């Protein structure tokens, strides 16, 4: 039998393989984005239910919906994204500080956009990627960071 011709990968296969490789490389970032979007949706739905459905004031609805979404985001990122179960209170405190930094950065972008004549609505939209980047970097490197020394100690105790 003659040898079979070499198989070449189609462009679609190559693109698919590259996309899967990138997704694996950036899995924490992608999960953080999905969890954050879900938490934002929870925030909005809860706010609308409390404000429009239950008749609470906007400040009461906001004061319930935002902390609820922050706790949801923390719990899902800790358990399902970064898989951390230690130092929960310290990590939660760090997460809240990072959320506050994101809040202030977002407010700064909104104010800057309003000052530049773009308006607060445009500023809110412009603030989203800025806040996402700041919070992801701080949470992934501080809040949910696992020291390498701890990993080595865990490996030694498992053997």
N, C-alpha and C. Protein backbone atom coordinates (compact mmCIF):
# COMPACT_ATOMS: atom_id res chain seq x y z
N UNK A 1 0.84 -1.19 0.00
CA UNK A 1 0.00 0.00 0.00
C UNK A 1 0.88 1.24 0.00
N UNK A 2 0.49 2.22 -0.76
CA UNK A 2 1.27 3.46 -0.76
C UNK A 2 1.07 4.19 0.57
N UNK A 3 2.08 4.93 1.00
CA UNK A 3 1.93 5.68 2.25
C UNK A 3 0.82 6.72 2.12
N UNK A 4 0.13 6.93 3.21
CA UNK A 4 -0.94 7.92 3.18
C UNK A 4 -0.32 9.32 3.18
N UNK A 5 -0.99 10.25 2.51
CA UNK A 5 -0.43 11.60 2.45
C UNK A 5 -0.47 12.23 3.84
N UNK A 6 0.48 13.12 4.09
CA UNK A 6 0.48 13.77 5.40
C UNK A 6 -0.81 14.58 5.58
N UNK A 7 -1.33 14.54 6.80
CA UNK A 7 -2.55 15.29 7.07
C UNK A 7 -2.18 16.71 7.45
N UNK A 8 -2.91 17.62 6.90
CA UNK A 8 -2.68 19.01 7.28
C UNK A 8 -3.90 19.49 8.04
N UNK A 9 -3.64 20.32 8.98
CA UNK A 9 -4.73 20.86 9.78
C UNK A 9 -5.38 21.99 9.04
N UNK A 10 -6.66 22.04 9.11
CA UNK A 10 -7.36 23.14 8.47
C UNK A 10 -7.16 24.41 9.29
N UNK A 11 -7.41 25.52 8.66
CA UNK A 11 -7.28 26.80 9.36
C UNK A 11 -8.24 26.86 10.54
N UNK A 12 -9.43 26.30 10.37
CA UNK A 12 -10.41 26.30 11.46
C UNK A 12 -9.91 25.49 12.65
N UNK A 13 -9.28 24.33 12.38
CA UNK A 13 -8.73 23.52 13.46
C UNK A 13 -7.63 24.27 14.19
N UNK A 14 -6.79 24.95 13.44
CA UNK A 14 -5.69 25.71 14.04
C UNK A 14 -6.22 26.84 14.91
N UNK A 15 -7.21 27.55 14.40
CA UNK A 15 -7.80 28.66 15.17
C UNK A 15 -8.45 28.12 16.44
N UNK A 16 -9.20 27.02 16.31
CA UNK A 16 -9.87 26.41 17.46
C UNK A 16 -8.84 25.98 18.51
N UNK A 17 -7.75 25.35 18.08
CA UNK A 17 -6.71 24.90 19.00
C UNK A 17 -6.07 26.09 19.71
N UNK A 18 -5.79 27.15 18.97
CA UNK A 18 -5.21 28.35 19.57
C UNK A 18 -6.16 28.98 20.57
N UNK A 19 -7.43 29.02 20.23
CA UNK A 19 -8.43 29.60 21.15
C UNK A 19 -8.52 28.79 22.43
N UNK A 20 -8.53 27.45 22.32
CA UNK A 20 -8.57 26.60 23.51
C UNK A 20 -7.33 26.80 24.36
N UNK A 21 -6.17 26.91 23.72
CA UNK A 21 -4.92 27.13 24.45
C UNK A 21 -4.97 28.44 25.21
N UNK A 22 -5.44 29.50 24.56
CA UNK A 22 -5.55 30.80 25.22
C UNK A 22 -6.54 30.76 26.38
N UNK A 23 -7.65 30.06 26.17
CA UNK A 23 -8.66 29.95 27.23
C UNK A 23 -8.09 29.26 28.45
N UNK A 24 -7.30 28.22 28.26
CA UNK A 24 -6.67 27.52 29.38
C UNK A 24 -5.67 28.44 30.07
N UNK A 25 -4.89 29.17 29.27
CA UNK A 25 -3.89 30.08 29.83
C UNK A 25 -4.54 31.19 30.66
N UNK A 26 -5.71 31.60 30.26
CA UNK A 26 -6.39 32.72 30.92
C UNK A 26 -7.68 32.29 31.61
N UNK A 27 -7.69 31.06 32.12
CA UNK A 27 -8.93 30.54 32.70
C UNK A 27 -9.40 31.34 33.91
N UNK A 28 -8.49 31.82 34.75
CA UNK A 28 -8.91 32.61 35.90
C UNK A 28 -9.55 33.92 35.45
N UNK A 29 -8.95 34.54 34.45
CA UNK A 29 -9.49 35.80 33.92
C UNK A 29 -10.88 35.60 33.34
N UNK A 30 -11.06 34.54 32.57
CA UNK A 30 -12.36 34.27 31.96
C UNK A 30 -13.42 33.94 33.01
N UNK A 31 -13.06 33.13 33.99
CA UNK A 31 -14.01 32.80 35.06
C UNK A 31 -14.34 34.05 35.88
N UNK A 32 -13.34 34.88 36.12
CA UNK A 32 -13.55 36.13 36.87
C UNK A 32 -14.55 37.01 36.12
N UNK A 33 -14.42 37.06 34.80
CA UNK A 33 -15.32 37.85 33.97
C UNK A 33 -16.76 37.31 34.05
N UNK A 34 -16.91 35.99 33.94
CA UNK A 34 -18.25 35.38 33.99
C UNK A 34 -18.87 35.57 35.37
N UNK A 35 -18.09 35.33 36.42
CA UNK A 35 -18.61 35.51 37.78
C UNK A 35 -18.97 36.97 38.03
N UNK A 36 -18.12 37.88 37.57
CA UNK A 36 -18.40 39.31 37.73
C UNK A 36 -19.65 39.75 37.00
N UNK A 37 -19.82 39.25 35.78
CA UNK A 37 -21.03 39.59 35.01
C UNK A 37 -22.28 39.04 35.70
N UNK A 38 -22.18 37.84 36.24
CA UNK A 38 -23.31 37.24 36.96
C UNK A 38 -23.62 38.04 38.22
N UNK A 39 -22.57 38.43 38.94
CA UNK A 39 -22.77 39.23 40.15
C UNK A 39 -23.40 40.58 39.81
N UNK A 40 -22.99 41.18 38.71
CA UNK A 40 -23.58 42.45 38.29
C UNK A 40 -25.04 42.27 37.94
N UNK A 41 -25.36 41.17 37.26
CA UNK A 41 -26.76 40.87 36.96
C UNK A 41 -27.58 40.69 38.21
N UNK A 42 -27.01 39.97 39.19
CA UNK A 42 -27.68 39.78 40.47
C UNK A 42 -27.93 41.12 41.15
N UNK A 43 -26.95 41.99 41.12
CA UNK A 43 -27.05 43.32 41.71
C UNK A 43 -28.23 44.08 41.09
N UNK A 44 -28.29 44.10 39.77
CA UNK A 44 -29.34 44.86 39.08
C UNK A 44 -30.71 44.25 39.34
N UNK A 45 -30.84 42.93 39.21
CA UNK A 45 -32.14 42.28 39.42
C UNK A 45 -32.63 42.49 40.85
N UNK A 46 -31.73 42.31 41.82
CA UNK A 46 -32.12 42.49 43.22
C UNK A 46 -32.52 43.95 43.48
N UNK A 47 -31.76 44.88 42.92
CA UNK A 47 -32.10 46.30 43.07
C UNK A 47 -33.49 46.57 42.50
N UNK A 48 -33.76 46.08 41.29
CA UNK A 48 -35.06 46.33 40.65
C UNK A 48 -36.20 45.70 41.43
N UNK A 49 -35.97 44.49 41.94
CA UNK A 49 -37.01 43.83 42.74
C UNK A 49 -37.30 44.61 44.03
N UNK A 50 -36.25 45.04 44.69
CA UNK A 50 -36.44 45.77 45.95
C UNK A 50 -37.03 47.16 45.73
N UNK A 51 -36.52 47.85 44.74
CA UNK A 51 -36.94 49.23 44.50
C UNK A 51 -38.32 49.29 43.84
N UNK A 52 -38.48 48.54 42.75
CA UNK A 52 -39.75 48.60 42.00
C UNK A 52 -40.80 47.65 42.55
N UNK A 53 -40.37 46.46 42.99
CA UNK A 53 -41.33 45.47 43.47
C UNK A 53 -41.73 45.65 44.91
N UNK A 54 -40.74 45.77 45.78
CA UNK A 54 -41.04 45.86 47.22
C UNK A 54 -41.27 47.30 47.67
N UNK A 55 -40.92 48.27 46.83
CA UNK A 55 -41.18 49.66 47.17
C UNK A 55 -40.20 50.28 48.15
N UNK A 56 -39.00 49.69 48.29
CA UNK A 56 -38.00 50.30 49.17
C UNK A 56 -37.42 51.53 48.49
N UNK A 57 -36.72 52.33 49.25
CA UNK A 57 -36.05 53.48 48.66
C UNK A 57 -34.86 52.99 47.83
N UNK A 58 -34.37 53.83 46.94
CA UNK A 58 -33.23 53.47 46.10
C UNK A 58 -31.99 53.19 46.95
N UNK A 59 -31.81 53.97 48.00
CA UNK A 59 -30.61 53.77 48.83
C UNK A 59 -30.70 52.44 49.59
N UNK A 60 -31.87 52.07 50.05
CA UNK A 60 -32.03 50.78 50.73
C UNK A 60 -31.83 49.64 49.74
N UNK A 61 -32.42 49.75 48.57
CA UNK A 61 -32.27 48.71 47.55
C UNK A 61 -30.80 48.56 47.16
N UNK A 62 -30.13 49.69 46.95
CA UNK A 62 -28.71 49.68 46.59
C UNK A 62 -27.86 49.12 47.73
N UNK A 63 -28.21 49.48 48.94
CA UNK A 63 -27.45 49.02 50.12
C UNK A 63 -27.60 47.53 50.37
N UNK A 64 -28.62 46.92 49.82
CA UNK A 64 -28.80 45.47 49.94
C UNK A 64 -28.22 44.76 48.71
N UNK A 65 -28.48 45.31 47.52
CA UNK A 65 -28.07 44.62 46.29
C UNK A 65 -26.55 44.60 46.10
N UNK A 66 -25.87 45.68 46.41
CA UNK A 66 -24.42 45.73 46.19
C UNK A 66 -23.67 44.77 47.12
N UNK A 67 -23.89 44.82 48.45
CA UNK A 67 -23.19 43.85 49.30
C UNK A 67 -23.53 42.39 48.96
N UNK A 68 -24.77 42.15 48.57
CA UNK A 68 -25.15 40.78 48.18
C UNK A 68 -24.34 40.32 46.97
N UNK A 69 -24.21 41.19 45.98
CA UNK A 69 -23.46 40.82 44.78
C UNK A 69 -21.96 40.70 45.08
N UNK A 70 -21.45 41.51 45.98
CA UNK A 70 -20.03 41.41 46.37
C UNK A 70 -19.78 40.08 47.07
N UNK A 71 -20.66 39.69 47.99
CA UNK A 71 -20.51 38.40 48.69
C UNK A 71 -20.64 37.23 47.72
N UNK A 72 -21.57 37.32 46.78
CA UNK A 72 -21.72 36.29 45.76
C UNK A 72 -20.43 36.16 44.95
N UNK A 73 -19.91 37.28 44.51
CA UNK A 73 -18.70 37.28 43.70
C UNK A 73 -17.52 36.71 44.48
N UNK A 74 -17.40 37.10 45.73
CA UNK A 74 -16.31 36.57 46.56
C UNK A 74 -16.43 35.06 46.71
N UNK A 75 -17.62 34.60 47.08
CA UNK A 75 -17.82 33.17 47.33
C UNK A 75 -17.52 32.34 46.08
N UNK A 76 -18.02 32.76 44.94
CA UNK A 76 -17.81 31.99 43.71
C UNK A 76 -16.37 32.07 43.22
N UNK A 77 -15.74 33.24 43.35
CA UNK A 77 -14.34 33.34 42.94
C UNK A 77 -13.44 32.52 43.87
N UNK A 78 -13.72 32.58 45.16
CA UNK A 78 -12.89 31.82 46.11
C UNK A 78 -13.01 30.32 45.88
N UNK A 79 -14.23 29.86 45.72
CA UNK A 79 -14.45 28.41 45.62
C UNK A 79 -14.22 27.84 44.22
N UNK A 80 -14.79 28.49 43.21
CA UNK A 80 -14.80 27.89 41.88
C UNK A 80 -13.73 28.41 40.94
N UNK A 81 -13.22 29.59 41.19
CA UNK A 81 -12.22 30.15 40.28
C UNK A 81 -10.82 29.96 40.82
N UNK A 82 -10.54 30.54 41.97
CA UNK A 82 -9.19 30.48 42.53
C UNK A 82 -9.00 29.31 43.50
N UNK A 83 -10.10 28.64 43.85
CA UNK A 83 -10.08 27.44 44.69
C UNK A 83 -9.28 27.64 45.99
N UNK A 84 -9.68 28.66 46.71
CA UNK A 84 -9.05 28.94 48.00
C UNK A 84 -10.07 28.68 49.10
N UNK A 85 -9.62 28.04 50.17
CA UNK A 85 -10.51 27.76 51.29
C UNK A 85 -9.89 28.21 52.61
N UNK A 86 -8.68 28.73 52.57
CA UNK A 86 -8.01 29.14 53.79
C UNK A 86 -8.15 30.66 54.00
N UNK A 87 -7.98 31.09 55.22
CA UNK A 87 -7.98 32.53 55.58
C UNK A 87 -9.18 33.27 54.99
N UNK A 88 -10.37 32.70 55.13
CA UNK A 88 -11.57 33.24 54.49
C UNK A 88 -11.86 34.66 54.96
N UNK A 89 -11.80 34.93 56.24
CA UNK A 89 -12.11 36.27 56.75
C UNK A 89 -11.12 37.30 56.21
N UNK A 90 -9.85 36.94 56.20
CA UNK A 90 -8.82 37.86 55.68
C UNK A 90 -9.01 38.09 54.18
N UNK A 91 -9.30 37.02 53.46
CA UNK A 91 -9.52 37.15 52.01
C UNK A 91 -10.78 37.98 51.72
N UNK A 92 -11.83 37.79 52.51
CA UNK A 92 -13.05 38.58 52.32
C UNK A 92 -12.78 40.06 52.60
N UNK A 93 -12.04 40.34 53.66
CA UNK A 93 -11.70 41.74 53.96
C UNK A 93 -10.91 42.35 52.81
N UNK A 94 -9.96 41.60 52.28
CA UNK A 94 -9.17 42.07 51.14
C UNK A 94 -10.07 42.31 49.93
N UNK A 95 -11.00 41.39 49.69
CA UNK A 95 -11.92 41.51 48.56
C UNK A 95 -12.77 42.77 48.69
N UNK A 96 -13.23 43.06 49.89
CA UNK A 96 -14.06 44.26 50.12
C UNK A 96 -13.22 45.52 49.90
N UNK A 97 -11.96 45.50 50.36
CA UNK A 97 -11.08 46.65 50.12
C UNK A 97 -10.88 46.86 48.62
N UNK A 98 -10.64 45.77 47.90
CA UNK A 98 -10.46 45.85 46.45
C UNK A 98 -11.74 46.36 45.78
N UNK A 99 -12.90 45.90 46.24
CA UNK A 99 -14.17 46.38 45.70
C UNK A 99 -14.32 47.88 45.95
N UNK A 100 -13.88 48.35 47.11
CA UNK A 100 -13.93 49.78 47.42
C UNK A 100 -12.99 50.56 46.52
N UNK A 101 -11.80 50.03 46.28
CA UNK A 101 -10.86 50.69 45.36
C UNK A 101 -11.48 50.76 43.96
N UNK A 102 -12.13 49.67 43.54
CA UNK A 102 -12.80 49.67 42.24
C UNK A 102 -13.94 50.68 42.19
N UNK A 103 -14.68 50.78 43.28
CA UNK A 103 -15.77 51.75 43.36
C UNK A 103 -15.22 53.17 43.20
N UNK A 104 -14.15 53.48 43.91
CA UNK A 104 -13.55 54.81 43.84
C UNK A 104 -12.96 55.10 42.46
N UNK A 105 -12.30 54.11 41.88
CA UNK A 105 -11.74 54.28 40.54
C UNK A 105 -12.86 54.51 39.53
N UNK A 106 -13.93 53.74 39.66
CA UNK A 106 -15.07 53.91 38.76
C UNK A 106 -15.69 55.29 38.89
N UNK A 107 -15.84 55.73 40.13
CA UNK A 107 -16.39 57.06 40.37
C UNK A 107 -15.48 58.13 39.76
N UNK A 108 -14.17 57.94 39.88
CA UNK A 108 -13.21 58.87 39.29
C UNK A 108 -13.36 58.96 37.78
N UNK A 109 -13.53 57.82 37.13
CA UNK A 109 -13.72 57.80 35.67
C UNK A 109 -15.02 58.50 35.30
N UNK A 110 -16.07 58.25 36.07
CA UNK A 110 -17.37 58.89 35.80
C UNK A 110 -17.24 60.41 35.93
N UNK A 111 -16.60 60.86 36.99
CA UNK A 111 -16.42 62.30 37.19
C UNK A 111 -15.55 62.92 36.10
N UNK A 112 -14.49 62.23 35.70
CA UNK A 112 -13.61 62.73 34.65
C UNK A 112 -14.37 62.83 33.32
N UNK A 113 -15.15 61.82 33.02
CA UNK A 113 -15.94 61.85 31.79
C UNK A 113 -16.95 63.00 31.82
N UNK A 114 -17.58 63.21 32.96
CA UNK A 114 -18.54 64.31 33.09
C UNK A 114 -17.83 65.65 32.93
N UNK A 115 -16.65 65.78 33.52
CA UNK A 115 -15.85 67.02 33.42
C UNK A 115 -15.47 67.30 31.97
N UNK A 116 -15.15 66.22 31.23
CA UNK A 116 -14.74 66.36 29.83
C UNK A 116 -15.94 66.53 28.89
N UNK A 117 -17.16 66.56 29.45
CA UNK A 117 -18.35 66.79 28.65
C UNK A 117 -18.95 65.53 28.05
N UNK A 118 -18.47 64.36 28.44
CA UNK A 118 -19.01 63.11 27.91
C UNK A 118 -20.27 62.67 28.65
N UNK A 119 -20.44 63.14 29.86
CA UNK A 119 -21.61 62.79 30.66
C UNK A 119 -21.35 61.59 31.55
N UNK A 120 -22.16 61.47 32.58
CA UNK A 120 -21.99 60.40 33.56
C UNK A 120 -22.32 59.03 32.98
N UNK A 121 -23.29 58.95 32.07
CA UNK A 121 -23.64 57.65 31.48
C UNK A 121 -22.47 57.08 30.69
N UNK A 122 -21.84 57.91 29.87
CA UNK A 122 -20.67 57.47 29.12
C UNK A 122 -19.53 57.13 30.08
N UNK A 123 -19.41 57.92 31.13
CA UNK A 123 -18.37 57.65 32.14
C UNK A 123 -18.57 56.30 32.80
N UNK A 124 -19.82 55.96 33.08
CA UNK A 124 -20.10 54.65 33.69
C UNK A 124 -19.66 53.52 32.76
N UNK A 125 -19.98 53.63 31.49
CA UNK A 125 -19.58 52.61 30.51
C UNK A 125 -18.05 52.56 30.40
N UNK A 126 -17.42 53.71 30.32
CA UNK A 126 -15.96 53.76 30.23
C UNK A 126 -15.28 53.22 31.48
N UNK A 127 -15.95 53.33 32.61
CA UNK A 127 -15.35 52.87 33.87
C UNK A 127 -15.28 51.35 33.98
N UNK A 128 -16.17 50.65 33.29
CA UNK A 128 -16.26 49.19 33.45
C UNK A 128 -14.96 48.46 33.16
N UNK A 129 -14.31 48.67 32.01
CA UNK A 129 -13.04 47.95 31.79
C UNK A 129 -11.93 48.39 32.73
N UNK A 130 -11.95 49.64 33.13
CA UNK A 130 -10.93 50.14 34.07
C UNK A 130 -11.08 49.45 35.42
N UNK A 131 -12.30 49.42 35.92
CA UNK A 131 -12.57 48.80 37.21
C UNK A 131 -12.30 47.30 37.14
N UNK A 132 -12.73 46.66 36.05
CA UNK A 132 -12.49 45.23 35.89
C UNK A 132 -11.00 44.93 35.96
N UNK A 133 -10.19 45.67 35.22
CA UNK A 133 -8.73 45.43 35.19
C UNK A 133 -8.11 45.64 36.57
N UNK A 134 -8.46 46.72 37.23
CA UNK A 134 -7.90 47.01 38.56
C UNK A 134 -8.28 45.90 39.55
N UNK A 135 -9.56 45.55 39.57
CA UNK A 135 -10.00 44.56 40.54
C UNK A 135 -9.46 43.17 40.24
N UNK A 136 -9.40 42.81 38.97
CA UNK A 136 -8.84 41.49 38.65
C UNK A 136 -7.37 41.41 39.06
N UNK A 137 -6.60 42.41 38.73
CA UNK A 137 -5.18 42.39 39.08
C UNK A 137 -4.97 42.32 40.60
N UNK A 138 -5.71 43.13 41.34
CA UNK A 138 -5.55 43.13 42.80
C UNK A 138 -6.06 41.83 43.42
N UNK A 139 -7.23 41.37 43.00
CA UNK A 139 -7.78 40.15 43.59
C UNK A 139 -6.95 38.91 43.22
N UNK A 140 -6.52 38.83 41.98
CA UNK A 140 -5.75 37.64 41.58
C UNK A 140 -4.37 37.62 42.20
N UNK A 141 -3.80 38.78 42.45
CA UNK A 141 -2.43 38.84 42.98
C UNK A 141 -2.35 39.02 44.49
N UNK A 142 -3.43 39.46 45.10
CA UNK A 142 -3.40 39.68 46.55
C UNK A 142 -4.47 38.83 47.24
N UNK A 143 -5.74 39.11 46.95
CA UNK A 143 -6.84 38.47 47.68
C UNK A 143 -6.79 36.95 47.57
N UNK A 144 -6.61 36.43 46.37
CA UNK A 144 -6.66 34.98 46.16
C UNK A 144 -5.28 34.39 45.87
N UNK A 145 -4.24 35.12 46.16
CA UNK A 145 -2.88 34.64 45.91
C UNK A 145 -2.54 33.48 46.83
N UNK A 146 -1.92 32.47 46.25
CA UNK A 146 -1.44 31.33 47.03
C UNK A 146 0.08 31.37 46.98
N UNK A 147 0.72 31.61 48.11
CA UNK A 147 2.18 31.67 48.11
C UNK A 147 2.79 30.34 47.67
N UNK A 148 3.89 30.42 46.92
CA UNK A 148 4.58 29.22 46.44
C UNK A 148 5.11 28.40 47.62
N UNK A 149 5.52 29.03 48.69
CA UNK A 149 6.04 28.32 49.86
C UNK A 149 4.95 27.41 50.42
N UNK A 150 3.73 27.91 50.47
CA UNK A 150 2.61 27.10 50.96
C UNK A 150 2.39 25.90 50.06
N UNK A 151 2.47 26.11 48.74
CA UNK A 151 2.30 25.00 47.80
C UNK A 151 3.36 23.93 48.02
N UNK A 152 4.60 24.34 48.26
CA UNK A 152 5.68 23.38 48.48
C UNK A 152 5.45 22.60 49.78
N UNK A 153 4.98 23.30 50.82
CA UNK A 153 4.71 22.62 52.09
C UNK A 153 3.57 21.62 51.95
N UNK A 154 2.56 21.97 51.18
CA UNK A 154 1.43 21.06 50.96
C UNK A 154 1.89 19.82 50.18
N UNK A 155 2.76 20.02 49.18
CA UNK A 155 3.28 18.89 48.42
C UNK A 155 4.07 17.94 49.31
N UNK A 156 4.89 18.50 50.21
CA UNK A 156 5.71 17.68 51.10
C UNK A 156 4.82 16.89 52.07
N UNK A 157 3.78 17.54 52.59
CA UNK A 157 2.93 16.84 53.56
C UNK A 157 2.07 15.78 52.88
N UNK A 158 1.80 15.92 51.59
CA UNK A 158 1.00 14.92 50.87
C UNK A 158 1.81 13.68 50.53
N UNK A 159 3.15 13.83 50.46
CA UNK A 159 3.95 12.65 50.08
C UNK A 159 4.32 11.78 51.25
